[in-house]
Every structure is written in C-alpha cells, then in structure tokens.
C-alpha atoms as a PDB file:
ATOM      1  CA  MET A   1       0.046   0.061   0.045  1.00  0.00           C
ATOM      2  CA  VAL A   2       1.332   3.464  -0.935  1.00  0.00           C
ATOM      3  CA  ALA A   3       0.263   6.374   1.337  1.00  0.00           C
ATOM      4  CA  THR A   4       0.316   9.961   0.503  1.00  0.00           C
ATOM      5  CA  TRP A   5       1.055  12.150   3.407  1.00  0.00           C
ATOM      6  CA  ARG A   6      -0.411  15.432   4.279  1.00  0.00           C
ATOM      7  CA  ASP A   7       0.587  17.359   7.372  1.00  0.00           C
ATOM      8  CA  GLU A   8      -2.449  16.495   9.329  1.00  0.00           C
ATOM      9  CA  GLU A   9      -1.982  12.999   8.511  1.00  0.00           C
ATOM     10  CA  LEU A  10       1.582  12.956   9.578  1.00  0.00           C
ATOM     11  CA  LEU A  11       0.566  14.462  12.895  1.00  0.00           C
ATOM     12  CA  ALA A  12      -2.266  12.083  13.424  1.00  0.00           C
ATOM     13  CA  LEU A  13       0.131   9.024  12.646  1.00  0.00           C
ATOM     14  CA  PHE A  14       2.499  10.369  15.413  1.00  0.00           C
ATOM     15  CA  VAL A  15      -0.190  11.122  17.800  1.00  0.00           C
ATOM     16  CA  THR A  16      -1.853   7.914  17.410  1.00  0.00           C
ATOM     17  CA  ARG A  17       1.381   5.922  17.669  1.00  0.00           C
ATOM     18  CA  ARG A  18       3.216   8.189  20.197  1.00  0.00           C
ATOM     19  CA  ARG A  19       3.073   5.822  23.238  1.00  0.00           C
ATOM     20  CA  GLU A  20       4.199   2.914  21.160  1.00  0.00           C
ATOM     21  CA  LEU A  21       7.035   5.036  19.627  1.00  0.00           C
ATOM     22  CA  VAL A  22       8.141   6.205  23.009  1.00  0.00           C
ATOM     23  CA  LYS A  23       8.240   2.707  24.520  1.00  0.00           C
ATOM     24  CA  TYR A  24      10.132   1.495  21.568  1.00  0.00           C
ATOM     25  CA  ALA A  25      12.828   4.328  21.901  1.00  0.00           C
ATOM     26  CA  ARG A  26      12.893   3.859  25.724  1.00  0.00           C
ATOM     27  CA  LYS A  27      13.898   0.185  25.239  1.00  0.00           C
ATOM     28  CA  ILE A  28      16.961   1.323  23.179  1.00  0.00           C
ATOM     29  CA  ILE A  29      17.958   4.437  25.066  1.00  0.00           C
ATOM     30  CA  GLY A  30      16.929   3.427  28.681  1.00  0.00           C
ATOM     31  CA  ASP A  31      15.433   6.712  29.700  1.00  0.00           C
ATOM     32  CA  ARG A  32      11.854   7.894  29.094  1.00  0.00           C
ATOM     33  CA  ALA A  33      12.576  11.628  28.737  1.00  0.00           C
ATOM     34  CA  LEU A  34      15.340  10.920  26.202  1.00  0.00           C
ATOM     35  CA  ALA A  35      12.934   8.644  24.502  1.00  0.00           C
ATOM     36  CA  GLU A  36      10.209  11.546  24.455  1.00  0.00           C
ATOM     37  CA  ASP A  37      12.983  13.781  22.860  1.00  0.00           C
ATOM     38  CA  VAL A  38      13.823  11.010  20.274  1.00  0.00           C
ATOM     39  CA  VAL A  39      10.143  10.757  19.241  1.00  0.00           C
ATOM     40  CA  GLN A  40       9.943  14.517  18.875  1.00  0.00           C
ATOM     41  CA  ASP A  41      13.187  14.768  16.902  1.00  0.00           C
ATOM     42  CA  ALA A  42      11.685  12.007  14.582  1.00  0.00           C
ATOM     43  CA  TYR A  43       8.724  13.954  13.864  1.00  0.00           C
ATOM     44  CA  PHE A  44      10.573  17.131  13.058  1.00  0.00           C
ATOM     45  CA  ARG A  45      13.068  15.061  10.811  1.00  0.00           C
ATOM     46  CA  LEU A  46      10.232  13.554   8.967  1.00  0.00           C
ATOM     47  CA  GLU A  47       8.468  16.899   8.572  1.00  0.00           C
ATOM     48  CA  ARG A  48      11.631  18.480   7.224  1.00  0.00           C
ATOM     49  CA  ALA A  49      12.416  15.562   4.894  1.00  0.00           C
ATOM     50  CA  ARG A  50       8.774  16.016   3.467  1.00  0.00           C
ATOM     51  CA  ALA A  51       9.596  19.544   2.850  1.00  0.00           C
ATOM     52  CA  VAL A  52      12.440  18.887   0.565  1.00  0.00           C
ATOM     53  CA  GLN A  53      11.036  15.719  -1.008  1.00  0.00           C
ATOM     54  CA  MET A  54       9.181  16.161  -4.283  1.00  0.00           C
ATOM     55  CA  ASP A  55       7.213  12.834  -3.918  1.00  0.00           C
ATOM     56  CA  ASP A  56       4.973  12.522  -0.854  1.00  0.00           C
ATOM     57  CA  ARG A  57       4.498   8.871  -1.461  1.00  0.00           C
ATOM     58  CA  LEU A  58       5.717   6.125   0.992  1.00  0.00           C
ATOM     59  CA  ASP A  59       5.057   2.438   1.122  1.00  0.00           C
ATOM     60  CA  GLU A  60       5.270   1.892   4.767  1.00  0.00           C
ATOM     61  CA  PRO A  61       4.762   5.132   6.741  1.00  0.00           C
ATOM     62  CA  VAL A  62       4.647   3.489  10.092  1.00  0.00           C
ATOM     63  CA  GLY A  63       7.704   1.237   9.481  1.00  0.00           C
ATOM     64  CA  TYR A  64       9.487   4.280   8.263  1.00  0.00           C
ATOM     65  CA  ILE A  65       8.756   6.220  11.317  1.00  0.00           C
ATOM     66  CA  PHE A  66       9.735   3.382  13.625  1.00  0.00           C
ATOM     67  CA  ARG A  67      13.021   3.195  11.629  1.00  0.00           C
ATOM     68  CA  ILE A  68      13.653   6.900  12.108  1.00  0.00           C
ATOM     69  CA  VAL A  69      12.803   6.587  15.854  1.00  0.00           C
ATOM     70  CA  ARG A  70      15.152   3.468  15.977  1.00  0.00           C
ATOM     71  CA  ASN A  71      18.022   5.295  14.282  1.00  0.00           C
ATOM     72  CA  LEU A  72      17.655   8.383  16.429  1.00  0.00           C
ATOM     73  CA  ALA A  73      17.459   6.284  19.723  1.00  0.00           C
ATOM     74  CA  ILE A  74      20.621   4.353  18.793  1.00  0.00           C
ATOM     75  CA  ASP A  75      22.476   7.539  18.033  1.00  0.00           C
ATOM     76  CA  GLY A  76      21.338   9.095  21.345  1.00  0.00           C
ATOM     77  CA  SER A  77      22.464   5.998  23.213  1.00  0.00           C
ATOM     78  CA  ARG A  78      25.793   5.986  21.429  1.00  0.00           C
ATOM     79  CA  LYS A  79      26.269   9.656  22.318  1.00  0.00           C
ATOM     80  CA  ILE A  80      25.455   8.990  25.964  1.00  0.00           C
ATOM     81  CA  GLY A  81      27.930   6.192  26.025  1.00  0.00           C
ATOM     82  CA  ARG A  82      30.697   8.449  24.423  1.00  0.00           C
ATOM     83  CA  GLU A  83      29.967  11.266  26.949  1.00  0.00           C
ATOM     84  CA  ASN A  84      29.996   8.874  29.961  1.00  0.00           C
ATOM     85  CA  ALA A  85      33.392   7.453  28.778  1.00  0.00           C
ATOM     86  CA  TYR A  86      34.699  10.894  28.281  1.00  0.00           C
ATOM     87  CA  VAL A  87      33.583  12.281  31.551  1.00  0.00           C
ATOM     88  CA  GLY A  88      34.189   9.002  33.407  1.00  0.00           C
ATOM     89  CA  VAL A  89      30.658   9.030  35.151  1.00  0.00           C
ATOM     90  CA  ASN A  90      30.255   6.707  38.006  1.00  0.00           C
ATOM     91  CA  GLU A  91      26.892   7.014  39.560  1.00  0.00           C
ATOM     92  CA  SER A  92      27.861   5.785  42.961  1.00  0.00           C
ATOM     93  CA  ASN A  93      30.043   8.804  43.413  1.00  0.00           C
ATOM     94  CA  LEU A  94      28.626  11.538  41.314  1.00  0.00           C
ATOM     95  CA  THR A  95      28.643  14.200  44.082  1.00  0.00           C
ATOM     96  CA  ASP A  96      32.558  13.507  44.909  1.00  0.00           C
ATOM     97  CA  ASP A  97      33.556  15.833  42.262  1.00  0.00           C
ATOM     98  CA  ILE A  98      31.294  18.695  42.929  1.00  0.00           C
ATOM     99  CA  ALA A  99      33.199  21.636  44.245  1.00  0.00           C
ATOM    100  CA  GLU A 100      32.133  23.150  47.386  1.00  0.00           C
ATOM    101  CA  ASP A 101      31.018  26.906  47.536  1.00  0.00           C
ATOM    102  CA  ARG A 102      33.696  27.793  49.991  1.00  0.00           C
ATOM    103  CA  PRO A 103      37.505  27.090  50.141  1.00  0.00           C
ATOM    104  CA  ASP A 104      38.735  24.591  52.526  1.00  0.00           C
ATOM    105  CA  PRO A 105      39.762  25.765  56.115  1.00  0.00           C
ATOM    106  CA  GLU A 106      43.591  25.921  55.277  1.00  0.00           C
ATOM    107  CA  ALA A 107      42.985  28.132  52.316  1.00  0.00           C
ATOM    108  CA  GLN A 108      40.728  30.319  54.373  1.00  0.00           C
ATOM    109  CA  ALA A 109      43.572  30.636  56.898  1.00  0.00           C
ATOM    110  CA  ILE A 110      46.110  31.630  54.328  1.00  0.00           C
ATOM    111  CA  ALA A 111      43.723  34.086  52.733  1.00  0.00           C
ATOM    112  CA  ARG A 112      43.031  35.707  56.136  1.00  0.00           C
ATOM    113  CA  SER A 113      46.909  35.959  56.765  1.00  0.00           C
ATOM    114  CA  GLU A 114      47.595  37.479  53.393  1.00  0.00           C
ATOM    115  CA  LEU A 115      44.673  40.052  53.989  1.00  0.00           C
ATOM    116  CA  ARG A 116      46.113  40.998  57.313  1.00  0.00           C
ATOM    117  CA  LEU A 117      49.527  41.547  55.551  1.00  0.00           C
ATOM    118  CA  LEU A 118      48.152  43.643  52.889  1.00  0.00           C
ATOM    119  CA  GLU A 119      46.273  45.631  55.340  1.00  0.00           C
ATOM    120  CA  GLN A 120      49.579  46.272  57.129  1.00  0.00           C
ATOM    121  CA  VAL A 121      51.342  47.029  53.959  1.00  0.00           C
ATOM    122  CA  LEU A 122      48.544  49.414  52.693  1.00  0.00           C
ATOM    123  CA  ALA A 123      48.793  51.285  56.178  1.00  0.00           C
ATOM    124  CA  GLU A 124      52.579  52.007  55.580  1.00  0.00           C
ATOM    125  CA  LEU A 125      51.736  54.007  52.351  1.00  0.00           C
ATOM    126  CA  PRO A 126      51.356  57.774  52.305  1.00  0.00           C
ATOM    127  CA  ASP A 127      47.653  58.803  52.294  1.00  0.00           C
ATOM    128  CA  ARG A 128      47.754  60.151  48.852  1.00  0.00           C
ATOM    129  CA  SER A 129      49.153  56.937  47.463  1.00  0.00           C
ATOM    130  CA  ARG A 130      46.773  54.597  49.491  1.00  0.00           C
ATOM    131  CA  ILE A 131      43.822  56.730  48.443  1.00  0.00           C
ATOM    132  CA  ALA A 132      44.928  56.596  44.796  1.00  0.00           C
ATOM    133  CA  LEU A 133      45.411  52.843  45.014  1.00  0.00           C
ATOM    134  CA  GLU A 134      42.139  52.193  46.744  1.00  0.00           C
ATOM    135  CA  MET A 135      40.226  54.397  44.116  1.00  0.00           C
ATOM    136  CA  HIS A 136      41.747  52.718  41.190  1.00  0.00           C
ATOM    137  CA  ARG A 137      41.827  48.995  42.249  1.00  0.00           C
ATOM    138  CA  PHE A 138      38.676  48.896  44.657  1.00  0.00           C
ATOM    139  CA  GLY A 139      36.705  51.794  43.161  1.00  0.00           C
ATOM    140  CA  GLY A 140      37.316  51.189  39.689  1.00  0.00           C
ATOM    141  CA  CYS A 141      38.171  54.830  39.095  1.00  0.00           C
ATOM    142  CA  LYS A 142      40.226  56.084  36.109  1.00  0.00           C
ATOM    143  CA  PHE A 143      43.271  58.101  36.373  1.00  0.00           C
ATOM    144  CA  THR A 144      41.397  61.172  35.375  1.00  0.00           C
ATOM    145  CA  GLU A 145      39.076  60.766  38.219  1.00  0.00           C
ATOM    146  CA  ILE A 146      41.838  60.130  40.767  1.00  0.00           C
ATOM    147  CA  ALA A 147      43.676  63.219  39.537  1.00  0.00           C
ATOM    148  CA  ALA A 148      40.628  65.419  39.850  1.00  0.00           C
ATOM    149  CA  ARG A 149      39.863  64.009  43.559  1.00  0.00           C
ATOM    150  CA  LEU A 150      43.414  64.364  44.682  1.00  0.00           C
ATOM    151  CA  ASP A 151      44.047  67.687  42.789  1.00  0.00           C
ATOM    152  CA  VAL A 152      47.152  66.338  40.918  1.00  0.00           C
ATOM    153  CA  SER A 153      47.978  65.743  37.231  1.00  0.00           C
ATOM    154  CA  VAL A 154      46.931  62.520  35.462  1.00  0.00           C
ATOM    155  CA  GLY A 155      50.485  61.576  35.300  1.00  0.00           C
ATOM    156  CA  THR A 156      51.020  61.945  39.028  1.00  0.00           C
ATOM    157  CA  ALA A 157      47.884  59.979  39.617  1.00  0.00           C
ATOM    158  CA  HIS A 158      49.360  57.314  37.458  1.00  0.00           C
ATOM    159  CA  ALA A 159      52.756  57.382  39.362  1.00  0.00           C
ATOM    160  CA  LEU A 160      50.951  57.175  42.709  1.00  0.00           C
ATOM    161  CA  VAL A 161      49.041  54.155  41.828  1.00  0.00           C
ATOM    162  CA  THR A 162      52.040  52.435  40.153  1.00  0.00           C
ATOM    163  CA  ASP A 163      54.238  53.124  43.079  1.00  0.00           C
ATOM    164  CA  ALA A 164      51.694  51.882  45.620  1.00  0.00           C
ATOM    165  CA  ILE A 165      51.273  48.789  43.652  1.00  0.00           C
ATOM    166  CA  GLU A 166      55.014  48.170  43.617  1.00  0.00           C
ATOM    167  CA  HIS A 167      55.112  48.763  47.483  1.00  0.00           C
ATOM    168  CA  CYS A 168      52.420  46.248  47.892  1.00  0.00           C
ATOM    169  CA  LYS A 169      54.139  43.833  45.988  1.00  0.00           C
ATOM    170  CA  SER A 170      57.439  44.092  47.688  1.00  0.00           C
ATOM    171  CA  GLY A 171      55.585  44.076  51.175  1.00  0.00           C
ATOM    172  CA  LEU A 172      53.749  40.976  50.315  1.00  0.00           C
ATOM    173  CA  ALA A 173      56.871  39.281  49.017  1.00  0.00           C
ATOM    174  CA  LYS A 174      58.802  40.136  52.324  1.00  0.00           C
ATOM    175  CA  GLY A 175      55.964  38.972  54.414  1.00  0.00           C
ATOM    176  CA  LYS A 176      55.767  35.447  53.015  1.00  0.00           C
END
C-alpha cells in the first residue's frame, strides 16, 4: 500500500502511535525523557524531509517512522556512551567531584593571613598613594578621576598608583 502524506495525516500518525514510539525508543535508550525527545526529533526530521522531497509517497509510513525513531535512539544511546566514557561518570560517586562553595579551612587561613599582611602594607603607604590605589583598584576609578579628586595631574595619579602597587608587591613578598 502506498500512502500519500499530508501534514495533518503525519501529525495524526505520530499522535496515535506516540506511546508505542516512546516505548520503543525507551527500550533502546533506557530513559523515558530521552525517548520522548527522540520521538519529537523523529517527527521534526520527517517533517523536514517531506519539505525537501518532491514525492509524498511512501510504502510503509509506520515502519519508516519506527526506523527513524530506532536510528535516532541508537545515535542518542551511542552519544550518551561516549559522553559517559569521556567524563568518566560513576553513579555511585557523582557528588564526589562537585566543588564546594567555600574554600577549605587551610585556604581560608592563608587568605586571612595574606589579607592582614596587605592591610599592614597599605597602612605603610602615604595617604595620597593609598587613596589613589584604593580608588583605582577597589573603586574602579580612572586616572582622570583620581587626579581630580587628589588635585594632581593625571601623570602624577598614575605614578601614585604604580608606586603603591610596587610597594604592596614588595611588602607581600617580604611577608611570605
């Protein structure tokens, strides 16, 4: 029997066979949600194929649809296998590799120590240099803004920031 497809017939065929198609795809791919996606993809592929074909005739439309679903499910299953092999997924310890939101206690202690040292080094700076550095690094101010605030030239503002950064680098290097 040769069937001529129209859009509404294609949709009706998928709607009436949907459960069967999902069940078939699920046996291959092993996951109901992925099987649903496979059936949806099959419908869209068939619809696109119809749009480019000149001939709407097909001998076995149901068999053809099942073949499309089978091929897509096999492709999906292979893709999942490749991804699992690449990532090395082991379901028993999926949460082992998830990073914590905060650093470990040792890293926290080191960071606190470095922060105290930086505060000491910043306190050693002259007021203008410290203010220029804080405005630039912490406030995101441009050199023109720093110059206007400190009533100095842009070149001097740049020099203040550069000198302050160098002072902090050397102070942190000595403190370690």
